Amino acid sequence: AFDGATELATGHWGCGAYGNHHDLMFLKQWLAASEAGVKKIYYHDYDRNQSHHVFPLIRKLRHLTVGELWGFLLELSRPLVPCDMKAFSARIADISTGKLKPGTGGAA
């Protein structure tokens, strides 16, 4: 789909299909773009209240490989089955504020 593209412009497209969870959609798009070799993502948001965790998440997670980030998302969400988006949102907030470290499954 990217056909060698190194830059990608995206945003909250399709969020309604995922409980309108913008952080989750961003992480999924980041994973897919990274796996496809995209080096730079322009992420357009329309309301900072909906995506206020995106930039802190990038700062906290940018060192992870695609596989490590995927593993972290699985670790983060596995205990939430069936889908508990409220708890997922709380965990995302904890990561973006540094209360939870990626890959540790516990407090920072």
PDB file of N, CA and C in Angstrom:
ATOM      1  N   ALA A   1       0.820  -1.198   0.000  1.00  0.00           N
ATOM      2  CA  ALA A   1       0.000   0.000   0.000  1.00  0.00           C
ATOM      3  C   ALA A   1       0.859   1.255   0.000  1.00  0.00           C
ATOM      4  N   PHE A   2       2.020   1.223   0.646  1.00  0.00           N
ATOM      5  CA  PHE A   2       2.858   2.411   0.725  1.00  0.00           C
ATOM      6  C   PHE A   2       3.781   2.526  -0.479  1.00  0.00           C
ATOM      7  N   ASP A   3       4.114   1.419  -1.115  1.00  0.00           N
ATOM      8  CA  ASP A   3       4.917   1.385  -2.332  1.00  0.00           C
ATOM      9  C   ASP A   3       6.172   2.249  -2.220  1.00  0.00           C
ATOM     10  N   GLY A   4       6.928   2.064  -1.125  1.00  0.00           N
ATOM     11  CA  GLY A   4       8.192   2.775  -0.962  1.00  0.00           C
ATOM     12  C   GLY A   4       8.087   4.152  -0.346  1.00  0.00           C
ATOM     13  N   ALA A   5       6.906   4.578   0.044  1.00  0.00           N
ATOM     14  CA  ALA A   5       6.746   5.903   0.652  1.00  0.00           C
ATOM     15  C   ALA A   5       7.507   5.961   1.975  1.00  0.00           C
ATOM     16  N   THR A   6       8.178   7.072   2.219  1.00  0.00           N
ATOM     17  CA  THR A   6       8.899   7.234   3.480  1.00  0.00           C
ATOM     18  C   THR A   6       8.193   8.201   4.417  1.00  0.00           C
ATOM     19  N   GLU A   7       7.168   8.886   3.924  1.00  0.00           N
ATOM     20  CA  GLU A   7       6.375   9.799   4.743  1.00  0.00           C
ATOM     21  C   GLU A   7       4.906   9.471   4.569  1.00  0.00           C
ATOM     22  N   LEU A   8       4.154   9.684   5.653  1.00  0.00           N
ATOM     23  CA  LEU A   8       2.730   9.341   5.653  1.00  0.00           C
ATOM     24  C   LEU A   8       1.952  10.415   6.383  1.00  0.00           C
ATOM     25  N   ALA A   9       0.847  10.853   5.820  1.00  0.00           N
ATOM     26  CA  ALA A   9      -0.073  11.765   6.499  1.00  0.00           C
ATOM     27  C   ALA A   9      -1.310  10.957   6.867  1.00  0.00           C
ATOM     28  N   THR A  10      -1.687  11.024   8.118  1.00  0.00           N
ATOM     29  CA  THR A  10      -2.835  10.253   8.595  1.00  0.00           C
ATOM     30  C   THR A  10      -3.503  11.011   9.727  1.00  0.00           C
ATOM     31  N   GLY A  11      -4.443  10.371  10.370  1.00  0.00           N
ATOM     32  CA  GLY A  11      -5.176  11.013  11.460  1.00  0.00           C
ATOM     33  C   GLY A  11      -6.125  10.034  12.104  1.00  0.00           C
ATOM     34  N   HIS A  12      -7.222  10.533  12.584  1.00  0.00           N
ATOM     35  CA  HIS A  12      -8.191   9.713  13.327  1.00  0.00           C
ATOM     36  C   HIS A  12      -9.137   8.918  12.428  1.00  0.00           C
ATOM     37  N   TRP A  13      -8.767   8.661  11.198  1.00  0.00           N
ATOM     38  CA  TRP A  13      -9.653   7.964  10.270  1.00  0.00           C
ATOM     39  C   TRP A  13      -9.982   6.572  10.826  1.00  0.00           C
ATOM     40  N   GLY A  14     -11.255   6.228  10.805  1.00  0.00           N
ATOM     41  CA  GLY A  14     -11.671   4.897  11.212  1.00  0.00           C
ATOM     42  C   GLY A  14     -11.831   4.697  12.700  1.00  0.00           C
ATOM     43  N   CYS A  15     -11.693   5.753  13.480  1.00  0.00           N
ATOM     44  CA  CYS A  15     -11.760   5.594  14.934  1.00  0.00           C
ATOM     45  C   CYS A  15     -13.120   5.115  15.424  1.00  0.00           C
ATOM     46  N   GLY A  16     -14.164   5.416  14.720  1.00  0.00           N
ATOM     47  CA  GLY A  16     -15.488   4.982  15.144  1.00  0.00           C
ATOM     48  C   GLY A  16     -15.619   3.468  15.230  1.00  0.00           C
ATOM     49  N   ALA A  17     -14.834   2.766  14.408  1.00  0.00           N
ATOM     50  CA  ALA A  17     -14.883   1.302  14.409  1.00  0.00           C
ATOM     51  C   ALA A  17     -14.176   0.708  15.618  1.00  0.00           C
ATOM     52  N   TYR A  18     -13.443   1.511  16.358  1.00  0.00           N
ATOM     53  CA  TYR A  18     -12.677   1.007  17.508  1.00  0.00           C
ATOM     54  C   TYR A  18     -13.082   1.734  18.779  1.00  0.00           C
ATOM     55  N   GLY A  19     -14.381   1.950  18.953  1.00  0.00           N
ATOM     56  CA  GLY A  19     -14.861   2.602  20.157  1.00  0.00           C
ATOM     57  C   GLY A  19     -14.428   4.059  20.224  1.00  0.00           C
ATOM     58  N   ASN A  20     -14.094   4.634  19.078  1.00  0.00           N
ATOM     59  CA  ASN A  20     -13.660   6.020  18.993  1.00  0.00           C
ATOM     60  C   ASN A  20     -12.422   6.270  19.850  1.00  0.00           C
ATOM     61  N   HIS A  21     -11.543   5.283  19.933  1.00  0.00           N
ATOM     62  CA  HIS A  21     -10.348   5.388  20.761  1.00  0.00           C
ATOM     63  C   HIS A  21      -9.168   5.850  19.903  1.00  0.00           C
ATOM     64  N   HIS A  22      -8.865   7.135  19.976  1.00  0.00           N
ATOM     65  CA  HIS A  22      -7.875   7.739  19.097  1.00  0.00           C
ATOM     66  C   HIS A  22      -6.459   7.272  19.415  1.00  0.00           C
ATOM     67  N   ASP A  23      -6.146   7.046  20.671  1.00  0.00           N
ATOM     68  CA  ASP A  23      -4.799   6.576  21.018  1.00  0.00           C
ATOM     69  C   ASP A  23      -4.540   5.185  20.439  1.00  0.00           C
ATOM     70  N   LEU A  24      -5.530   4.316  20.531  1.00  0.00           N
ATOM     71  CA  LEU A  24      -5.390   2.976  19.975  1.00  0.00           C
ATOM     72  C   LEU A  24      -5.234   3.040  18.458  1.00  0.00           C
ATOM     73  N   MET A  25      -6.017   3.861  17.802  1.00  0.00           N
ATOM     74  CA  MET A  25      -5.909   3.995  16.345  1.00  0.00           C
ATOM     75  C   MET A  25      -4.533   4.531  15.961  1.00  0.00           C
ATOM     76  N   PHE A  26      -4.040   5.527  16.697  1.00  0.00           N
ATOM     77  CA  PHE A  26      -2.709   6.055  16.416  1.00  0.00           C
ATOM     78  C   PHE A  26      -1.652   4.962  16.536  1.00  0.00           C
ATOM     79  N   LEU A  27      -1.693   4.183  17.616  1.00  0.00           N
ATOM     80  CA  LEU A  27      -0.703   3.131  17.818  1.00  0.00           C
ATOM     81  C   LEU A  27      -0.759   2.090  16.703  1.00  0.00           C
ATOM     82  N   LYS A  28      -1.950   1.743  16.258  1.00  0.00           N
ATOM     83  CA  LYS A  28      -2.086   0.767  15.168  1.00  0.00           C
ATOM     84  C   LYS A  28      -1.533   1.330  13.859  1.00  0.00           C
ATOM     85  N   GLN A  29      -1.800   2.597  13.585  1.00  0.00           N
ATOM     86  CA  GLN A  29      -1.278   3.208  12.367  1.00  0.00           C
ATOM     87  C   GLN A  29       0.247   3.332  12.434  1.00  0.00           C
ATOM     88  N   TRP A  30       0.770   3.645  13.607  1.00  0.00           N
ATOM     89  CA  TRP A  30       2.215   3.752  13.797  1.00  0.00           C
ATOM     90  C   TRP A  30       2.886   2.393  13.559  1.00  0.00           C
ATOM     91  N   LEU A  31       2.289   1.348  14.110  1.00  0.00           N
ATOM     92  CA  LEU A  31       2.820  -0.001  13.895  1.00  0.00           C
ATOM     93  C   LEU A  31       2.857  -0.350  12.404  1.00  0.00           C
ATOM     94  N   ALA A  32       1.736  -0.142  11.732  1.00  0.00           N
ATOM     95  CA  ALA A  32       1.645  -0.496  10.313  1.00  0.00           C
ATOM     96  C   ALA A  32       2.621   0.327   9.472  1.00  0.00           C
ATOM     97  N   ALA A  33       2.700   1.616   9.741  1.00  0.00           N
ATOM     98  CA  ALA A  33       3.598   2.481   8.972  1.00  0.00           C
ATOM     99  C   ALA A  33       5.059   2.097   9.212  1.00  0.00           C
ATOM    100  N   SER A  34       5.399   1.825  10.454  1.00  0.00           N
ATOM    101  CA  SER A  34       6.776   1.444  10.777  1.00  0.00           C
ATOM    102  C   SER A  34       7.156   0.138  10.096  1.00  0.00           C
ATOM    103  N   GLU A  35       6.256  -0.814  10.136  1.00  0.00           N
ATOM    104  CA  GLU A  35       6.511  -2.104   9.494  1.00  0.00           C
ATOM    105  C   GLU A  35       6.684  -1.935   7.986  1.00  0.00           C
ATOM    106  N   ALA A  36       5.996  -0.944   7.401  1.00  0.00           N
ATOM    107  CA  ALA A  36       6.083  -0.696   5.965  1.00  0.00           C
ATOM    108  C   ALA A  36       7.299   0.153   5.591  1.00  0.00           C
ATOM    109  N   GLY A  37       8.071   0.587   6.588  1.00  0.00           N
ATOM    110  CA  GLY A  37       9.274   1.351   6.297  1.00  0.00           C
ATOM    111  C   GLY A  37       9.102   2.859   6.281  1.00  0.00           C
ATOM    112  N   VAL A  38       7.954   3.354   6.691  1.00  0.00           N
ATOM    113  CA  VAL A  38       7.725   4.801   6.749  1.00  0.00           C
ATOM    114  C   VAL A  38       8.623   5.397   7.828  1.00  0.00           C
ATOM    115  N   LYS A  39       9.302   6.478   7.513  1.00  0.00           N
ATOM    116  CA  LYS A  39      10.236   7.115   8.449  1.00  0.00           C
ATOM    117  C   LYS A  39       9.629   8.314   9.171  1.00  0.00           C
ATOM    118  N   LYS A  40       8.609   8.930   8.589  1.00  0.00           N
ATOM    119  CA  LYS A  40       8.013  10.122   9.191  1.00  0.00           C
ATOM    120  C   LYS A  40       6.500  10.087   9.016  1.00  0.00           C
ATOM    121  N   ILE A  41       5.782  10.315  10.120  1.00  0.00           N
ATOM    122  CA  ILE A  41       4.323  10.337  10.098  1.00  0.00           C
ATOM    123  C   ILE A  41       3.841  11.727  10.477  1.00  0.00           C
ATOM    124  N   TYR A  42       2.958  12.265   9.664  1.00  0.00           N
ATOM    125  CA  TYR A  42       2.265  13.516  10.000  1.00  0.00           C
ATOM    126  C   TYR A  42       0.892  13.104  10.511  1.00  0.00           C
ATOM    127  N   TYR A  43       0.642  13.323  11.776  1.00  0.00           N
ATOM    128  CA  TYR A  43      -0.610  12.879  12.379  1.00  0.00           C
ATOM    129  C   TYR A  43      -1.495  14.082  12.628  1.00  0.00           C
ATOM    130  N   HIS A  44      -2.606  14.156  11.892  1.00  0.00           N
ATOM    131  CA  HIS A  44      -3.516  15.295  11.984  1.00  0.00           C
ATOM    132  C   HIS A  44      -4.628  14.984  12.982  1.00  0.00           C
ATOM    133  N   ASP A  45      -4.793  15.864  13.940  1.00  0.00           N
ATOM    134  CA  ASP A  45      -5.916  15.719  14.859  1.00  0.00           C
ATOM    135  C   ASP A  45      -6.767  16.985  14.758  1.00  0.00           C
ATOM    136  N   TYR A  46      -7.973  16.848  15.196  1.00  0.00           N
ATOM    137  CA  TYR A  46      -8.895  17.972  15.104  1.00  0.00           C
ATOM    138  C   TYR A  46      -9.296  18.489  16.468  1.00  0.00           C
ATOM    139  N   ASP A  47      -8.903  17.780  17.487  1.00  0.00           N
ATOM    140  CA  ASP A  47      -9.280  18.164  18.838  1.00  0.00           C
ATOM    141  C   ASP A  47      -8.251  17.582  19.800  1.00  0.00           C
ATOM    142  N   ARG A  48      -7.468  18.423  20.432  1.00  0.00           N
ATOM    143  CA  ARG A  48      -6.418  17.953  21.348  1.00  0.00           C
ATOM    144  C   ARG A  48      -7.008  17.129  22.494  1.00  0.00           C
ATOM    145  N   ASN A  49      -8.268  17.317  22.820  1.00  0.00           N
ATOM    146  CA  ASN A  49      -8.897  16.523  23.874  1.00  0.00           C
ATOM    147  C   ASN A  49      -9.013  15.059  23.474  1.00  0.00           C
ATOM    148  N   GLN A  50      -9.031  14.802  22.178  1.00  0.00           N
ATOM    149  CA  GLN A  50      -9.156  13.429  21.704  1.00  0.00           C
ATOM    150  C   GLN A  50      -7.807  12.751  21.528  1.00  0.00           C
ATOM    151  N   SER A  51      -6.742  13.521  21.386  1.00  0.00           N
ATOM    152  CA  SER A  51      -5.448  12.907  21.106  1.00  0.00           C
ATOM    153  C   SER A  51      -4.343  13.473  21.989  1.00  0.00           C
ATOM    154  N   HIS A  52      -4.692  13.854  23.181  1.00  0.00           N
ATOM    155  CA  HIS A  52      -3.708  14.494  24.051  1.00  0.00           C
ATOM    156  C   HIS A  52      -2.600  13.559  24.515  1.00  0.00           C
ATOM    157  N   HIS A  53      -2.749  12.258  24.313  1.00  0.00           N
ATOM    158  CA  HIS A  53      -1.699  11.317  24.709  1.00  0.00           C
ATOM    159  C   HIS A  53      -0.730  10.982  23.582  1.00  0.00           C
ATOM    160  N   VAL A  54      -1.019  11.378  22.353  1.00  0.00           N
ATOM    161  CA  VAL A  54      -0.213  10.958  21.206  1.00  0.00           C
ATOM    162  C   VAL A  54       1.251  11.377  21.358  1.00  0.00           C
ATOM    163  N   PHE A  55       1.529  12.633  21.617  1.00  0.00           N
ATOM    164  CA  PHE A  55       2.923  13.082  21.687  1.00  0.00           C
ATOM    165  C   PHE A  55       3.662  12.514  22.895  1.00  0.00           C
ATOM    166  N   PRO A  56       3.050  12.462  24.082  1.00  0.00           N
ATOM    167  CA  PRO A  56       3.745  11.775  25.183  1.00  0.00           C
ATOM    168  C   PRO A  56       3.987  10.291  24.896  1.00  0.00           C
ATOM    169  N   LEU A  57       3.050   9.632  24.206  1.00  0.00           N
ATOM    170  CA  LEU A  57       3.254   8.223  23.850  1.00  0.00           C
ATOM    171  C   LEU A  57       4.454   8.063  22.924  1.00  0.00           C
ATOM    172  N   ILE A  58       4.585   8.955  21.967  1.00  0.00           N
ATOM    173  CA  ILE A  58       5.721   8.892  21.050  1.00  0.00           C
ATOM    174  C   ILE A  58       7.023   9.021  21.840  1.00  0.00           C
ATOM    175  N   ARG A  59       7.071   9.975  22.750  1.00  0.00           N
ATOM    176  CA  ARG A  59       8.294  10.167  23.542  1.00  0.00           C
ATOM    177  C   ARG A  59       8.613   8.935  24.390  1.00  0.00           C
ATOM    178  N   LYS A  60       7.595   8.301  24.948  1.00  0.00           N
ATOM    179  CA  LYS A  60       7.807   7.157  25.838  1.00  0.00           C
ATOM    180  C   LYS A  60       8.081   5.856  25.083  1.00  0.00           C
ATOM    181  N   LEU A  61       7.577   5.731  23.852  1.00  0.00           N
ATOM    182  CA  LEU A  61       7.630   4.454  23.142  1.00  0.00           C
ATOM    183  C   LEU A  61       8.546   4.451  21.920  1.00  0.00           C
ATOM    184  N   ARG A  62       9.115   5.559  21.557  1.00  0.00           N
ATOM    185  CA  ARG A  62       9.864   5.663  20.289  1.00  0.00           C
ATOM    186  C   ARG A  62      11.072   4.743  20.226  1.00  0.00           C
ATOM    187  N   HIS A  63      11.584   4.299  21.347  1.00  0.00           N
ATOM    188  CA  HIS A  63      12.768   3.432  21.347  1.00  0.00           C
ATOM    189  C   HIS A  63      12.427   1.970  21.040  1.00  0.00           C
ATOM    190  N   LEU A  64      11.138   1.620  21.067  1.00  0.00           N
ATOM    191  CA  LEU A  64      10.733   0.230  20.850  1.00  0.00           C
ATOM    192  C   LEU A  64      10.739  -0.126  19.371  1.00  0.00           C
ATOM    193  N   THR A  65      11.098  -1.361  19.080  1.00  0.00           N
ATOM    194  CA  THR A  65      10.945  -1.859  17.717  1.00  0.00           C
ATOM    195  C   THR A  65       9.458  -2.135  17.470  1.00  0.00           C
ATOM    196  N   VAL A  66       9.116  -2.408  16.224  1.00  0.00           N
ATOM    197  CA  VAL A  66       7.723  -2.746  15.908  1.00  0.00           C
ATOM    198  C   VAL A  66       7.285  -3.968  16.716  1.00  0.00           C
ATOM    199  N   GLY A  67       8.117  -4.990  16.767  1.00  0.00           N
ATOM    200  CA  GLY A  67       7.788  -6.199  17.517  1.00  0.00           C
ATOM    201  C   GLY A  67       7.644  -5.927  19.006  1.00  0.00           C
ATOM    202  N   GLU A  68       8.519  -5.097  19.554  1.00  0.00           N
ATOM    203  CA  GLU A  68       8.432  -4.759  20.976  1.00  0.00           C
ATOM    204  C   GLU A  68       7.171  -3.955  21.277  1.00  0.00           C
ATOM    205  N   LEU A  69       6.832  -3.017  20.386  1.00  0.00           N
ATOM    206  CA  LEU A  69       5.618  -2.222  20.590  1.00  0.00           C
ATOM    207  C   LEU A  69       4.383  -3.120  20.508  1.00  0.00           C
ATOM    208  N   TRP A  70       4.359  -4.035  19.554  1.00  0.00           N
ATOM    209  CA  TRP A  70       3.240  -4.976  19.440  1.00  0.00           C
ATOM    210  C   TRP A  70       3.134  -5.821  20.707  1.00  0.00           C
ATOM    211  N   GLY A  71       4.252  -6.332  21.174  1.00  0.00           N
ATOM    212  CA  GLY A  71       4.261  -7.116  22.402  1.00  0.00           C
ATOM    213  C   GLY A  71       3.773  -6.309  23.587  1.00  0.00           C
ATOM    214  N   PHE A  72       4.166  -5.055  23.642  1.00  0.00           N
ATOM    215  CA  PHE A  72       3.728  -4.183  24.723  1.00  0.00           C
ATOM    216  C   PHE A  72       2.216  -3.967  24.672  1.00  0.00           C
ATOM    217  N   LEU A  73       1.680  -3.730  23.469  1.00  0.00           N
ATOM    218  CA  LEU A  73       0.222  -3.566  23.345  1.00  0.00           C
ATOM    219  C   LEU A  73      -0.515  -4.828  23.778  1.00  0.00           C
ATOM    220  N   LEU A  74       0.019  -5.985  23.419  1.00  0.00           N
ATOM    221  CA  LEU A  74      -0.600  -7.237  23.861  1.00  0.00           C
ATOM    222  C   LEU A  74      -0.547  -7.363  25.381  1.00  0.00           C
ATOM    223  N   GLU A  75       0.598  -7.058  25.951  1.00  0.00           N
ATOM    224  CA  GLU A  75       0.765  -7.119  27.404  1.00  0.00           C
ATOM    225  C   GLU A  75      -0.185  -6.145  28.100  1.00  0.00           C
ATOM    226  N   LEU A  76      -0.322  -4.979  27.514  1.00  0.00           N
ATOM    227  CA  LEU A  76      -1.165  -3.926  28.083  1.00  0.00           C
ATOM    228  C   LEU A  76      -2.636  -4.296  28.050  1.00  0.00           C
ATOM    229  N   SER A  77      -3.056  -4.974  26.982  1.00  0.00           N
ATOM    230  CA  SER A  77      -4.487  -5.228  26.791  1.00  0.00           C
ATOM    231  C   SER A  77      -4.942  -6.637  27.157  1.00  0.00           C
ATOM    232  N   ARG A  78      -4.032  -7.579  27.257  1.00  0.00           N
ATOM    233  CA  ARG A  78      -4.416  -8.970  27.541  1.00  0.00           C
ATOM    234  C   ARG A  78      -5.313  -9.105  28.778  1.00  0.00           C
ATOM    235  N   PRO A  79      -4.980  -8.446  29.897  1.00  0.00           N
ATOM    236  CA  PRO A  79      -5.833  -8.593  31.078  1.00  0.00           C
ATOM    237  C   PRO A  79      -7.203  -7.909  30.934  1.00  0.00           C
ATOM    238  N   LEU A  80      -7.410  -7.186  29.852  1.00  0.00           N
ATOM    239  CA  LEU A  80      -8.641  -6.423  29.668  1.00  0.00           C
ATOM    240  C   LEU A  80      -9.673  -7.152  28.824  1.00  0.00           C
ATOM    241  N   VAL A  81      -9.457  -8.424  28.559  1.00  0.00           N
ATOM    242  CA  VAL A  81     -10.388  -9.198  27.751  1.00  0.00           C
ATOM    243  C   VAL A  81     -11.530  -9.649  28.645  1.00  0.00           C
ATOM    244  N   PRO A  82     -12.787  -9.465  28.323  1.00  0.00           N
ATOM    245  CA  PRO A  82     -13.262  -8.810  27.103  1.00  0.00           C
ATOM    246  C   PRO A  82     -12.924  -7.322  27.114  1.00  0.00           C
ATOM    247  N   CYS A  83     -13.026  -6.713  25.968  1.00  0.00           N
ATOM    248  CA  CYS A  83     -12.585  -5.342  25.736  1.00  0.00           C
ATOM    249  C   CYS A  83     -13.097  -4.378  26.803  1.00  0.00           C
ATOM    250  N   ASP A  84     -12.175  -3.753  27.507  1.00  0.00           N
ATOM    251  CA  ASP A  84     -12.487  -2.754  28.521  1.00  0.00           C
ATOM    252  C   ASP A  84     -11.753  -1.474  28.131  1.00  0.00           C
ATOM    253  N   MET A  85     -12.373  -0.677  27.274  1.00  0.00           N
ATOM    254  CA  MET A  85     -11.716   0.513  26.747  1.00  0.00           C
ATOM    255  C   MET A  85     -11.445   1.549  27.825  1.00  0.00           C
ATOM    256  N   LYS A  86     -12.266   1.598  28.862  1.00  0.00           N
ATOM    257  CA  LYS A  86     -12.024   2.553  29.950  1.00  0.00           C
ATOM    258  C   LYS A  86     -10.704   2.216  30.653  1.00  0.00           C
ATOM    259  N   ALA A  87     -10.479   0.952  30.941  1.00  0.00           N
ATOM    260  CA  ALA A  87      -9.236   0.532  31.584  1.00  0.00           C
ATOM    261  C   ALA A  87      -8.052   0.720  30.632  1.00  0.00           C
ATOM    262  N   PHE A  88      -8.238   0.444  29.333  1.00  0.00           N
ATOM    263  CA  PHE A  88      -7.186   0.656  28.347  1.00  0.00           C
ATOM    264  C   PHE A  88      -6.801   2.132  28.309  1.00  0.00           C
ATOM    265  N   SER A  89      -7.801   3.013  28.313  1.00  0.00           N
ATOM    266  CA  SER A  89      -7.544   4.462  28.306  1.00  0.00           C
ATOM    267  C   SER A  89      -6.764   4.884  29.543  1.00  0.00           C
ATOM    268  N   ALA A  90      -7.111   4.311  30.680  1.00  0.00           N
ATOM    269  CA  ALA A  90      -6.388   4.639  31.917  1.00  0.00           C
ATOM    270  C   ALA A  90      -4.936   4.198  31.814  1.00  0.00           C
ATOM    271  N   ARG A  91      -4.697   3.043  31.232  1.00  0.00           N
ATOM    272  CA  ARG A  91      -3.318   2.565  31.068  1.00  0.00           C
ATOM    273  C   ARG A  91      -2.540   3.435  30.094  1.00  0.00           C
ATOM    274  N   ILE A  92      -3.169   3.859  29.016  1.00  0.00           N
ATOM    275  CA  ILE A  92      -2.517   4.759  28.058  1.00  0.00           C
ATOM    276  C   ILE A  92      -2.151   6.063  28.758  1.00  0.00           C
ATOM    277  N   ALA A  93      -3.060   6.595  29.569  1.00  0.00           N
ATOM    278  CA  ALA A  93      -2.773   7.822  30.316  1.00  0.00           C
ATOM    279  C   ALA A  93      -1.596   7.609  31.266  1.00  0.00           C
ATOM    280  N   ASP A  94      -1.548   6.457  31.916  1.00  0.00           N
ATOM    281  CA  ASP A  94      -0.431   6.159  32.823  1.00  0.00           C
ATOM    282  C   ASP A  94       0.899   6.073  32.084  1.00  0.00           C
ATOM    283  N   ILE A  95       0.888   5.555  30.874  1.00  0.00           N
ATOM    284  CA  ILE A  95       2.111   5.489  30.080  1.00  0.00           C
ATOM    285  C   ILE A  95       2.543   6.890  29.676  1.00  0.00           C
ATOM    286  N   SER A  96       1.591   7.687  29.193  1.00  0.00           N
ATOM    287  CA  SER A  96       1.939   9.019  28.690  1.00  0.00           C
ATOM    288  C   SER A  96       2.424   9.939  29.807  1.00  0.00           C
ATOM    289  N   THR A  97       2.042   9.668  31.048  1.00  0.00           N
ATOM    290  CA  THR A  97       2.497  10.502  32.176  1.00  0.00           C
ATOM    291  C   THR A  97       3.672   9.885  32.919  1.00  0.00           C
ATOM    292  N   GLY A  98       4.105   8.701  32.487  1.00  0.00           N
ATOM    293  CA  GLY A  98       5.265   8.068  33.097  1.00  0.00           C
ATOM    294  C   GLY A  98       4.972   7.193  34.306  1.00  0.00           C
ATOM    295  N   LYS A  99       3.703   6.968  34.618  1.00  0.00           N
ATOM    296  CA  LYS A  99       3.344   6.119  35.760  1.00  0.00           C
ATOM    297  C   LYS A  99       3.522   4.638  35.449  1.00  0.00           C
ATOM    298  N   LEU A 100       3.501   4.297  34.155  1.00  0.00           N
ATOM    299  CA  LEU A 100       3.682   2.926  33.706  1.00  0.00           C
ATOM    300  C   LEU A 100       4.736   2.907  32.633  1.00  0.00           C
ATOM    301  N   LYS A 101       5.723   2.037  32.766  1.00  0.00           N
ATOM    302  CA  LYS A 101       6.797   1.958  31.784  1.00  0.00           C
ATOM    303  C   LYS A 101       6.499   0.859  30.776  1.00  0.00           C
ATOM    304  N   PRO A 102       6.789   1.120  29.498  1.00  0.00           N
ATOM    305  CA  PRO A 102       6.600   0.092  28.483  1.00  0.00           C
ATOM    306  C   PRO A 102       7.447  -1.138  28.765  1.00  0.00           C
ATOM    307  N   GLY A 103       6.825  -2.296  28.644  1.00  0.00           N
ATOM    308  CA  GLY A 103       7.555  -3.539  28.767  1.00  0.00           C
ATOM    309  C   GLY A 103       7.753  -4.050  30.182  1.00  0.00           C
ATOM    310  N   THR A 104       7.276  -3.318  31.172  1.00  0.00           N
ATOM    311  CA  THR A 104       7.483  -3.770  32.545  1.00  0.00           C
ATOM    312  C   THR A 104       6.228  -4.368  33.141  1.00  0.00           C
ATOM    313  N   GLY A 105       5.065  -3.989  32.607  1.00  0.00           N
ATOM    314  CA  GLY A 105       3.803  -4.481  33.131  1.00  0.00           C
ATOM    315  C   GLY A 105       3.488  -3.898  34.499  1.00  0.00           C
ATOM    316  N   GLY A 106       4.288  -2.937  34.946  1.00  0.00           N
ATOM    317  CA  GLY A 106       4.062  -2.372  36.268  1.00  0.00           C
ATOM    318  C   GLY A 106       4.415  -0.904  36.334  1.00  0.00           C
ATOM    319  N   ALA A 107       4.465  -0.420  37.542  1.00  0.00           N
ATOM    320  CA  ALA A 107       4.714   1.010  37.762  1.00  0.00           C
ATOM    321  C   ALA A 107       6.128   1.397  37.347  1.00  0.00           C
ATOM    322  N   ALA A 108       6.283   2.651  37.039  1.00  0.00           N
ATOM    323  CA  ALA A 108       7.589   3.179  36.618  1.00  0.00           C
ATOM    324  C   ALA A 108       8.577   3.207  37.761  1.00  0.00           C
TER     325      ALA A 108
END
